[in-house]
Amino acid sequence: MTISEFEHGKTRIMAEARDALRRLGVEYHCVMFDVHTSQPHPKGATLTVTAEGNTVSGWFPADEIEDSRERVGRADVRHKIADLVVGVKESVT
């Protein structure tokens, strides 16, 4: 079984968010995607970041997710991840 570009991109984005949270000192957190569909080619997914009971979510279109399959290189995707991480960090402190 092979992993689709979409699934691989989701994994990379979640890893980037986890790393950013750890760099900010938030060790205990949850990062997950919700696709909202059972279609084989979804239009995107919602990334939810939770830390100490505070939750922040953001929408990522499929092209942003698929473009992140090798590494998170797009500036707009990195900015969205940073905004989510900072948002949950601010709600924790």
PDB file of N, CA and C in Angstrom:
ATOM      1  N   MET A   1       0.839  -1.179   0.000  1.00  0.00           N
ATOM      2  CA  MET A   1       0.000   0.000   0.000  1.00  0.00           C
ATOM      3  C   MET A   1       0.891   1.251   0.000  1.00  0.00           C
ATOM      4  N   THR A   2       0.594   2.177  -0.872  1.00  0.00           N
ATOM      5  CA  THR A   2       1.359   3.416  -0.931  1.00  0.00           C
ATOM      6  C   THR A   2       0.562   4.550  -0.298  1.00  0.00           C
ATOM      7  N   ILE A   3       1.285   5.498   0.217  1.00  0.00           N
ATOM      8  CA  ILE A   3       0.659   6.667   0.830  1.00  0.00           C
ATOM      9  C   ILE A   3       0.508   7.735  -0.247  1.00  0.00           C
ATOM     10  N   SER A   4      -0.668   8.327  -0.337  1.00  0.00           N
ATOM     11  CA  SER A   4      -0.913   9.367  -1.336  1.00  0.00           C
ATOM     12  C   SER A   4      -0.135  10.639  -0.987  1.00  0.00           C
ATOM     13  N   GLU A   5       0.040  11.497  -1.971  1.00  0.00           N
ATOM     14  CA  GLU A   5       0.711  12.780  -1.736  1.00  0.00           C
ATOM     15  C   GLU A   5      -0.031  13.587  -0.681  1.00  0.00           C
ATOM     16  N   PHE A   6      -1.350  13.492  -0.696  1.00  0.00           N
ATOM     17  CA  PHE A   6      -2.181  14.206   0.269  1.00  0.00           C
ATOM     18  C   PHE A   6      -1.879  13.723   1.688  1.00  0.00           C
ATOM     19  N   GLU A   7      -1.873  12.407   1.896  1.00  0.00           N
ATOM     20  CA  GLU A   7      -1.619  11.850   3.227  1.00  0.00           C
ATOM     21  C   GLU A   7      -0.193  12.153   3.678  1.00  0.00           C
ATOM     22  N   HIS A   8       0.755  12.036   2.769  1.00  0.00           N
ATOM     23  CA  HIS A   8       2.144  12.319   3.109  1.00  0.00           C
ATOM     24  C   HIS A   8       2.320  13.796   3.480  1.00  0.00           C
ATOM     25  N   GLY A   9       1.660  14.690   2.749  1.00  0.00           N
ATOM     26  CA  GLY A   9       1.710  16.113   3.061  1.00  0.00           C
ATOM     27  C   GLY A   9       1.118  16.431   4.419  1.00  0.00           C
ATOM     28  N   LYS A  10       0.007  15.783   4.755  1.00  0.00           N
ATOM     29  CA  LYS A  10      -0.592  15.988   6.081  1.00  0.00           C
ATOM     30  C   LYS A  10       0.397  15.611   7.178  1.00  0.00           C
ATOM     31  N   THR A  11       1.094  14.504   6.981  1.00  0.00           N
ATOM     32  CA  THR A  11       2.070  14.048   7.968  1.00  0.00           C
ATOM     33  C   THR A  11       3.186  15.062   8.139  1.00  0.00           C
ATOM     34  N   ARG A  12       3.681  15.616   7.041  1.00  0.00           N
ATOM     35  CA  ARG A  12       4.760  16.610   7.100  1.00  0.00           C
ATOM     36  C   ARG A  12       4.303  17.882   7.813  1.00  0.00           C
ATOM     37  N   ILE A  13       3.102  18.340   7.502  1.00  0.00           N
ATOM     38  CA  ILE A  13       2.588  19.566   8.128  1.00  0.00           C
ATOM     39  C   ILE A  13       2.393  19.357   9.626  1.00  0.00           C
ATOM     40  N   MET A  14       1.855  18.208  10.018  1.00  0.00           N
ATOM     41  CA  MET A  14       1.681  17.934  11.448  1.00  0.00           C
ATOM     42  C   MET A  14       3.036  17.878  12.160  1.00  0.00           C
ATOM     43  N   ALA A  15       4.028  17.277  11.530  1.00  0.00           N
ATOM     44  CA  ALA A  15       5.364  17.211  12.134  1.00  0.00           C
ATOM     45  C   ALA A  15       5.954  18.610  12.299  1.00  0.00           C
ATOM     46  N   GLU A  16       5.754  19.457  11.305  1.00  0.00           N
ATOM     47  CA  GLU A  16       6.247  20.840  11.377  1.00  0.00           C
ATOM     48  C   GLU A  16       5.570  21.585  12.533  1.00  0.00           C
ATOM     49  N   ALA A  17       4.270  21.395  12.703  1.00  0.00           N
ATOM     50  CA  ALA A  17       3.545  22.046  13.798  1.00  0.00           C
ATOM     51  C   ALA A  17       4.043  21.540  15.152  1.00  0.00           C
ATOM     52  N   ARG A  18       4.265  20.229  15.269  1.00  0.00           N
ATOM     53  CA  ARG A  18       4.777  19.674  16.531  1.00  0.00           C
ATOM     54  C   ARG A  18       6.154  20.248  16.862  1.00  0.00           C
ATOM     55  N   ASP A  19       7.029  20.313  15.865  1.00  0.00           N
ATOM     56  CA  ASP A  19       8.363  20.875  16.087  1.00  0.00           C
ATOM     57  C   ASP A  19       8.283  22.330  16.532  1.00  0.00           C
ATOM     58  N   ALA A  20       7.408  23.105  15.907  1.00  0.00           N
ATOM     59  CA  ALA A  20       7.253  24.515  16.272  1.00  0.00           C
ATOM     60  C   ALA A  20       6.748  24.658  17.705  1.00  0.00           C
ATOM     61  N   LEU A  21       5.812  23.814  18.100  1.00  0.00           N
ATOM     62  CA  LEU A  21       5.305  23.854  19.475  1.00  0.00           C
ATOM     63  C   LEU A  21       6.412  23.534  20.473  1.00  0.00           C
ATOM     64  N   ARG A  22       7.207  22.531  20.172  1.00  0.00           N
ATOM     65  CA  ARG A  22       8.303  22.175  21.081  1.00  0.00           C
ATOM     66  C   ARG A  22       9.329  23.295  21.188  1.00  0.00           C
ATOM     67  N   ARG A  23       9.619  23.960  20.059  1.00  0.00           N
ATOM     68  CA  ARG A  23      10.565  25.089  20.096  1.00  0.00           C
ATOM     69  C   ARG A  23      10.054  26.214  20.988  1.00  0.00           C
ATOM     70  N   LEU A  24       8.722  26.341  21.081  1.00  0.00           N
ATOM     71  CA  LEU A  24       8.121  27.376  21.938  1.00  0.00           C
ATOM     72  C   LEU A  24       7.924  26.897  23.375  1.00  0.00           C
ATOM     73  N   GLY A  25       8.325  25.672  23.658  1.00  0.00           N
ATOM     74  CA  GLY A  25       8.216  25.160  25.017  1.00  0.00           C
ATOM     75  C   GLY A  25       6.899  24.493  25.349  1.00  0.00           C
ATOM     76  N   VAL A  26       6.078  24.205  24.362  1.00  0.00           N
ATOM     77  CA  VAL A  26       4.806  23.521  24.591  1.00  0.00           C
ATOM     78  C   VAL A  26       5.032  22.033  24.305  1.00  0.00           C
ATOM     79  N   GLU A  27       5.327  21.280  25.350  1.00  0.00           N
ATOM     80  CA  GLU A  27       5.667  19.865  25.188  1.00  0.00           C
ATOM     81  C   GLU A  27       4.434  18.964  25.068  1.00  0.00           C
ATOM     82  N   TYR A  28       3.373  19.296  25.772  1.00  0.00           N
ATOM     83  CA  TYR A  28       2.185  18.447  25.783  1.00  0.00           C
ATOM     84  C   TYR A  28       1.124  19.056  24.887  1.00  0.00           C
ATOM     85  N   HIS A  29       0.895  18.416  23.766  1.00  0.00           N
ATOM     86  CA  HIS A  29      -0.011  18.961  22.758  1.00  0.00           C
ATOM     87  C   HIS A  29      -0.572  17.837  21.886  1.00  0.00           C
ATOM     88  N   CYS A  30      -1.558  18.204  21.092  1.00  0.00           N
ATOM     89  CA  CYS A  30      -2.165  17.292  20.124  1.00  0.00           C
ATOM     90  C   CYS A  30      -2.287  18.047  18.806  1.00  0.00           C
ATOM     91  N   VAL A  31      -1.847  17.413  17.727  1.00  0.00           N
ATOM     92  CA  VAL A  31      -1.934  18.001  16.399  1.00  0.00           C
ATOM     93  C   VAL A  31      -2.591  16.965  15.496  1.00  0.00           C
ATOM     94  N   MET A  32      -3.700  17.352  14.835  1.00  0.00           N
ATOM     95  CA  MET A  32      -4.379  16.386  13.964  1.00  0.00           C
ATOM     96  C   MET A  32      -5.095  17.085  12.819  1.00  0.00           C
ATOM     97  N   PHE A  33      -5.292  16.331  11.743  1.00  0.00           N
ATOM     98  CA  PHE A  33      -6.049  16.805  10.590  1.00  0.00           C
ATOM     99  C   PHE A  33      -7.418  16.146  10.577  1.00  0.00           C
ATOM    100  N   ASP A  34      -8.420  16.895  10.145  1.00  0.00           N
ATOM    101  CA  ASP A  34      -9.759  16.364   9.906  1.00  0.00           C
ATOM    102  C   ASP A  34     -10.104  16.670   8.462  1.00  0.00           C
ATOM    103  N   VAL A  35     -10.376  15.629   7.686  1.00  0.00           N
ATOM    104  CA  VAL A  35     -10.598  15.798   6.250  1.00  0.00           C
ATOM    105  C   VAL A  35     -12.047  16.146   5.926  1.00  0.00           C
ATOM    106  N   HIS A  36     -13.010  15.799   6.739  1.00  0.00           N
ATOM    107  CA  HIS A  36     -14.433  16.136   6.564  1.00  0.00           C
ATOM    108  C   HIS A  36     -15.097  15.441   5.377  1.00  0.00           C
ATOM    109  N   THR A  37     -14.494  14.413   4.820  1.00  0.00           N
ATOM    110  CA  THR A  37     -15.102  13.749   3.672  1.00  0.00           C
ATOM    111  C   THR A  37     -14.527  12.357   3.517  1.00  0.00           C
ATOM    112  N   SER A  38     -15.235  11.525   2.804  1.00  0.00           N
ATOM    113  CA  SER A  38     -14.724  10.193   2.490  1.00  0.00           C
ATOM    114  C   SER A  38     -14.329  10.105   1.022  1.00  0.00           C
ATOM    115  N   GLN A  39     -14.279  11.226   0.338  1.00  0.00           N
ATOM    116  CA  GLN A  39     -13.911  11.263  -1.076  1.00  0.00           C
ATOM    117  C   GLN A  39     -12.442  10.892  -1.250  1.00  0.00           C
ATOM    118  N   PRO A  40     -12.101  10.238  -2.357  1.00  0.00           N
ATOM    119  CA  PRO A  40     -10.698   9.876  -2.572  1.00  0.00           C
ATOM    120  C   PRO A  40      -9.798  11.086  -2.818  1.00  0.00           C
ATOM    121  N   HIS A  41     -10.349  12.191  -3.286  1.00  0.00           N
ATOM    122  CA  HIS A  41      -9.577  13.406  -3.538  1.00  0.00           C
ATOM    123  C   HIS A  41     -10.229  14.586  -2.837  1.00  0.00           C
ATOM    124  N   PRO A  42      -9.986  14.728  -1.515  1.00  0.00           N
ATOM    125  CA  PRO A  42     -10.605  15.834  -0.781  1.00  0.00           C
ATOM    126  C   PRO A  42     -10.075  17.192  -1.223  1.00  0.00           C
ATOM    127  N   LYS A  43     -10.867  18.219  -0.951  1.00  0.00           N
ATOM    128  CA  LYS A  43     -10.496  19.588  -1.330  1.00  0.00           C
ATOM    129  C   LYS A  43      -9.545  20.225  -0.334  1.00  0.00           C
ATOM    130  N   GLY A  44      -9.339  19.570   0.786  1.00  0.00           N
ATOM    131  CA  GLY A  44      -8.458  20.090   1.813  1.00  0.00           C
ATOM    132  C   GLY A  44      -8.773  19.457   3.147  1.00  0.00           C
ATOM    133  N   ALA A  45      -8.190  20.027   4.208  1.00  0.00           N
ATOM    134  CA  ALA A  45      -8.402  19.488   5.546  1.00  0.00           C
ATOM    135  C   ALA A  45      -8.160  20.587   6.577  1.00  0.00           C
ATOM    136  N   THR A  46      -8.720  20.385   7.752  1.00  0.00           N
ATOM    137  CA  THR A  46      -8.553  21.314   8.859  1.00  0.00           C
ATOM    138  C   THR A  46      -7.498  20.774   9.811  1.00  0.00           C
ATOM    139  N   LEU A  47      -6.478  21.585  10.078  1.00  0.00           N
ATOM    140  CA  LEU A  47      -5.467  21.228  11.064  1.00  0.00           C
ATOM    141  C   LEU A  47      -5.900  21.812  12.396  1.00  0.00           C
ATOM    142  N   THR A  48      -5.959  20.971  13.417  1.00  0.00           N
ATOM    143  CA  THR A  48      -6.326  21.407  14.760  1.00  0.00           C
ATOM    144  C   THR A  48      -5.140  21.187  15.688  1.00  0.00           C
ATOM    145  N   VAL A  49      -4.777  22.240  16.408  1.00  0.00           N
ATOM    146  CA  VAL A  49      -3.677  22.199  17.364  1.00  0.00           C
ATOM    147  C   VAL A  49      -4.268  22.451  18.742  1.00  0.00           C
ATOM    148  N   THR A  50      -4.008  21.536  19.682  1.00  0.00           N
ATOM    149  CA  THR A  50      -4.538  21.651  21.037  1.00  0.00           C
ATOM    150  C   THR A  50      -3.392  21.568  22.039  1.00  0.00           C
ATOM    151  N   ALA A  51      -3.407  22.456  23.020  1.00  0.00           N
ATOM    152  CA  ALA A  51      -2.415  22.431  24.105  1.00  0.00           C
ATOM    153  C   ALA A  51      -3.083  22.950  25.366  1.00  0.00           C
ATOM    154  N   GLU A  52      -2.956  22.196  26.434  1.00  0.00           N
ATOM    155  CA  GLU A  52      -3.504  22.552  27.737  1.00  0.00           C
ATOM    156  C   GLU A  52      -4.970  22.988  27.661  1.00  0.00           C
ATOM    157  N   GLY A  53      -5.750  22.265  26.887  1.00  0.00           N
ATOM    158  CA  GLY A  53      -7.180  22.529  26.786  1.00  0.00           C
ATOM    159  C   GLY A  53      -7.572  23.627  25.822  1.00  0.00           C
ATOM    160  N   ASN A  54      -6.616  24.284  25.195  1.00  0.00           N
ATOM    161  CA  ASN A  54      -6.898  25.344  24.232  1.00  0.00           C
ATOM    162  C   ASN A  54      -6.715  24.811  22.819  1.00  0.00           C
ATOM    163  N   THR A  55      -7.639  25.181  21.942  1.00  0.00           N
ATOM    164  CA  THR A  55      -7.634  24.644  20.583  1.00  0.00           C
ATOM    165  C   THR A  55      -7.692  25.768  19.557  1.00  0.00           C
ATOM    166  N   VAL A  56      -6.885  25.607  18.498  1.00  0.00           N
ATOM    167  CA  VAL A  56      -6.875  26.530  17.371  1.00  0.00           C
ATOM    168  C   VAL A  56      -6.901  25.674  16.111  1.00  0.00           C
ATOM    169  N   SER A  57      -7.718  26.069  15.124  1.00  0.00           N
ATOM    170  CA  SER A  57      -7.834  25.310  13.884  1.00  0.00           C
ATOM    171  C   SER A  57      -7.651  26.207  12.673  1.00  0.00           C
ATOM    172  N   GLY A  58      -7.190  25.596  11.578  1.00  0.00           N
ATOM    173  CA  GLY A  58      -7.026  26.323  10.325  1.00  0.00           C
ATOM    174  C   GLY A  58      -7.179  25.398   9.137  1.00  0.00           C
ATOM    175  N   TRP A  59      -7.716  25.934   8.052  1.00  0.00           N
ATOM    176  CA  TRP A  59      -7.990  25.180   6.826  1.00  0.00           C
ATOM    177  C   TRP A  59      -6.782  25.197   5.901  1.00  0.00           C
ATOM    178  N   PHE A  60      -6.441  24.045   5.355  1.00  0.00           N
ATOM    179  CA  PHE A  60      -5.371  23.904   4.370  1.00  0.00           C
ATOM    180  C   PHE A  60      -5.958  23.287   3.110  1.00  0.00           C
ATOM    181  N   PRO A  61      -5.943  23.985   1.984  1.00  0.00           N
ATOM    182  CA  PRO A  61      -6.427  23.418   0.730  1.00  0.00           C
ATOM    183  C   PRO A  61      -5.552  22.234   0.296  1.00  0.00           C
ATOM    184  N   ALA A  62      -6.107  21.368  -0.509  1.00  0.00           N
ATOM    185  CA  ALA A  62      -5.411  20.156  -0.948  1.00  0.00           C
ATOM    186  C   ALA A  62      -4.079  20.461  -1.622  1.00  0.00           C
ATOM    187  N   ASP A  63      -4.006  21.524  -2.423  1.00  0.00           N
ATOM    188  CA  ASP A  63      -2.748  21.812  -3.114  1.00  0.00           C
ATOM    189  C   ASP A  63      -1.638  22.171  -2.132  1.00  0.00           C
ATOM    190  N   GLU A  64      -1.954  22.875  -1.054  1.00  0.00           N
ATOM    191  CA  GLU A  64      -0.954  23.204  -0.040  1.00  0.00           C
ATOM    192  C   GLU A  64      -0.472  21.944   0.666  1.00  0.00           C
ATOM    193  N   ILE A  65      -1.399  21.045   0.935  1.00  0.00           N
ATOM    194  CA  ILE A  65      -1.046  19.794   1.610  1.00  0.00           C
ATOM    195  C   ILE A  65      -0.179  18.929   0.696  1.00  0.00           C
ATOM    196  N   GLU A  66      -0.603  18.756  -0.541  1.00  0.00           N
ATOM    197  CA  GLU A  66       0.149  17.911  -1.475  1.00  0.00           C
ATOM    198  C   GLU A  66       1.525  18.488  -1.779  1.00  0.00           C
ATOM    199  N   ASP A  67       1.651  19.800  -1.854  1.00  0.00           N
ATOM    200  CA  ASP A  67       2.950  20.436  -2.099  1.00  0.00           C
ATOM    201  C   ASP A  67       3.911  20.255  -0.926  1.00  0.00           C
ATOM    202  N   SER A  68       3.412  19.838   0.215  1.00  0.00           N
ATOM    203  CA  SER A  68       4.232  19.649   1.411  1.00  0.00           C
ATOM    204  C   SER A  68       4.670  18.200   1.599  1.00  0.00           C
ATOM    205  N   ARG A  69       4.459  17.361   0.614  1.00  0.00           N
ATOM    206  CA  ARG A  69       4.736  15.933   0.761  1.00  0.00           C
ATOM    207  C   ARG A  69       6.206  15.626   1.029  1.00  0.00           C
ATOM    208  N   GLU A  70       7.129  16.380   0.453  1.00  0.00           N
ATOM    209  CA  GLU A  70       8.554  16.147   0.675  1.00  0.00           C
ATOM    210  C   GLU A  70       9.063  16.957   1.867  1.00  0.00           C
ATOM    211  N   ARG A  71       8.675  18.227   1.913  1.00  0.00           N
ATOM    212  CA  ARG A  71       9.017  19.120   3.015  1.00  0.00           C
ATOM    213  C   ARG A  71       8.067  20.313   2.945  1.00  0.00           C
ATOM    214  N   VAL A  72       7.907  20.992   4.054  1.00  0.00           N
ATOM    215  CA  VAL A  72       7.033  22.157   4.087  1.00  0.00           C
ATOM    216  C   VAL A  72       7.867  23.344   3.613  1.00  0.00           C
ATOM    217  N   GLY A  73       7.804  23.626   2.317  1.00  0.00           N
ATOM    218  CA  GLY A  73       8.632  24.662   1.731  1.00  0.00           C
ATOM    219  C   GLY A  73       7.890  25.919   1.319  1.00  0.00           C
ATOM    220  N   ARG A  74       6.582  25.802   1.133  1.00  0.00           N
ATOM    221  CA  ARG A  74       5.806  26.975   0.717  1.00  0.00           C
ATOM    222  C   ARG A  74       5.689  27.960   1.869  1.00  0.00           C
ATOM    223  N   ALA A  75       5.990  29.206   1.574  1.00  0.00           N
ATOM    224  CA  ALA A  75       5.934  30.240   2.611  1.00  0.00           C
ATOM    225  C   ALA A  75       4.531  30.395   3.185  1.00  0.00           C
ATOM    226  N   ASP A  76       3.498  30.314   2.345  1.00  0.00           N
ATOM    227  CA  ASP A  76       2.133  30.482   2.842  1.00  0.00           C
ATOM    228  C   ASP A  76       1.739  29.356   3.800  1.00  0.00           C
ATOM    229  N   VAL A  77       2.198  28.145   3.545  1.00  0.00           N
ATOM    230  CA  VAL A  77       1.893  27.017   4.426  1.00  0.00           C
ATOM    231  C   VAL A  77       2.650  27.179   5.746  1.00  0.00           C
ATOM    232  N   ARG A  78       3.916  27.540   5.666  1.00  0.00           N
ATOM    233  CA  ARG A  78       4.704  27.752   6.883  1.00  0.00           C
ATOM    234  C   ARG A  78       4.098  28.872   7.734  1.00  0.00           C
ATOM    235  N   HIS A  79       3.592  29.912   7.083  1.00  0.00           N
ATOM    236  CA  HIS A  79       2.964  31.025   7.804  1.00  0.00           C
ATOM    237  C   HIS A  79       1.681  30.563   8.510  1.00  0.00           C
ATOM    238  N   LYS A  80       0.882  29.751   7.838  1.00  0.00           N
ATOM    239  CA  LYS A  80      -0.347  29.235   8.468  1.00  0.00           C
ATOM    240  C   LYS A  80      -0.019  28.395   9.695  1.00  0.00           C
ATOM    241  N   ILE A  81       0.994  27.532   9.555  1.00  0.00           N
ATOM    242  CA  ILE A  81       1.397  26.698  10.689  1.00  0.00           C
ATOM    243  C   ILE A  81       1.854  27.589  11.843  1.00  0.00           C
ATOM    244  N   ALA A  82       2.687  28.574  11.545  1.00  0.00           N
ATOM    245  CA  ALA A  82       3.183  29.486  12.588  1.00  0.00           C
ATOM    246  C   ALA A  82       2.040  30.222  13.275  1.00  0.00           C
ATOM    247  N   ASP A  83       1.059  30.681  12.503  1.00  0.00           N
ATOM    248  CA  ASP A  83      -0.090  31.378  13.084  1.00  0.00           C
ATOM    249  C   ASP A  83      -0.858  30.481  14.047  1.00  0.00           C
ATOM    250  N   LEU A  84      -1.064  29.224  13.659  1.00  0.00           N
ATOM    251  CA  LEU A  84      -1.779  28.287  14.534  1.00  0.00           C
ATOM    252  C   LEU A  84      -0.994  28.023  15.817  1.00  0.00           C
ATOM    253  N   VAL A  85       0.298  27.804  15.669  1.00  0.00           N
ATOM    254  CA  VAL A  85       1.138  27.508  16.829  1.00  0.00           C
ATOM    255  C   VAL A  85       1.199  28.709  17.773  1.00  0.00           C
ATOM    256  N   VAL A  86       1.391  29.888  17.232  1.00  0.00           N
ATOM    257  CA  VAL A  86       1.424  31.094  18.066  1.00  0.00           C
ATOM    258  C   VAL A  86       0.058  31.302  18.727  1.00  0.00           C
ATOM    259  N   GLY A  87      -1.018  31.050  17.984  1.00  0.00           N
ATOM    260  CA  GLY A  87      -2.360  31.211  18.552  1.00  0.00           C
ATOM    261  C   GLY A  87      -2.604  30.299  19.738  1.00  0.00           C
ATOM    262  N   VAL A  88      -2.202  29.055  19.626  1.00  0.00           N
ATOM    263  CA  VAL A  88      -2.412  28.129  20.754  1.00  0.00           C
ATOM    264  C   VAL A  88      -1.440  28.446  21.890  1.00  0.00           C
ATOM    265  N   LYS A  89      -0.235  28.885  21.559  1.00  0.00           N
ATOM    266  CA  LYS A  89       0.740  29.267  22.598  1.00  0.00           C
ATOM    267  C   LYS A  89       0.227  30.472  23.395  1.00  0.00           C
ATOM    268  N   GLU A  90      -0.337  31.465  22.694  1.00  0.00           N
ATOM    269  CA  GLU A  90      -0.867  32.646  23.381  1.00  0.00           C
ATOM    270  C   GLU A  90      -2.037  32.286  24.282  1.00  0.00           C
ATOM    271  N   SER A  91      -2.854  31.328  23.866  1.00  0.00           N
ATOM    272  CA  SER A  91      -3.994  30.951  24.688  1.00  0.00           C
ATOM    273  C   SER A  91      -3.565  30.119  25.901  1.00  0.00           C
ATOM    274  N   VAL A  92      -2.370  29.507  25.828  1.00  0.00           N
ATOM    275  CA  VAL A  92      -1.858  28.722  26.950  1.00  0.00           C
ATOM    276  C   VAL A  92      -1.250  29.631  28.006  1.00  0.00           C
ATOM    277  N   THR A  93      -0.555  30.696  27.570  1.00  0.00           N
ATOM    278  CA  THR A  93       0.132  31.558  28.538  1.00  0.00           C
ATOM    279  C   THR A  93      -0.756  32.607  29.122  1.00  0.00           C
TER     280      THR A  93
END
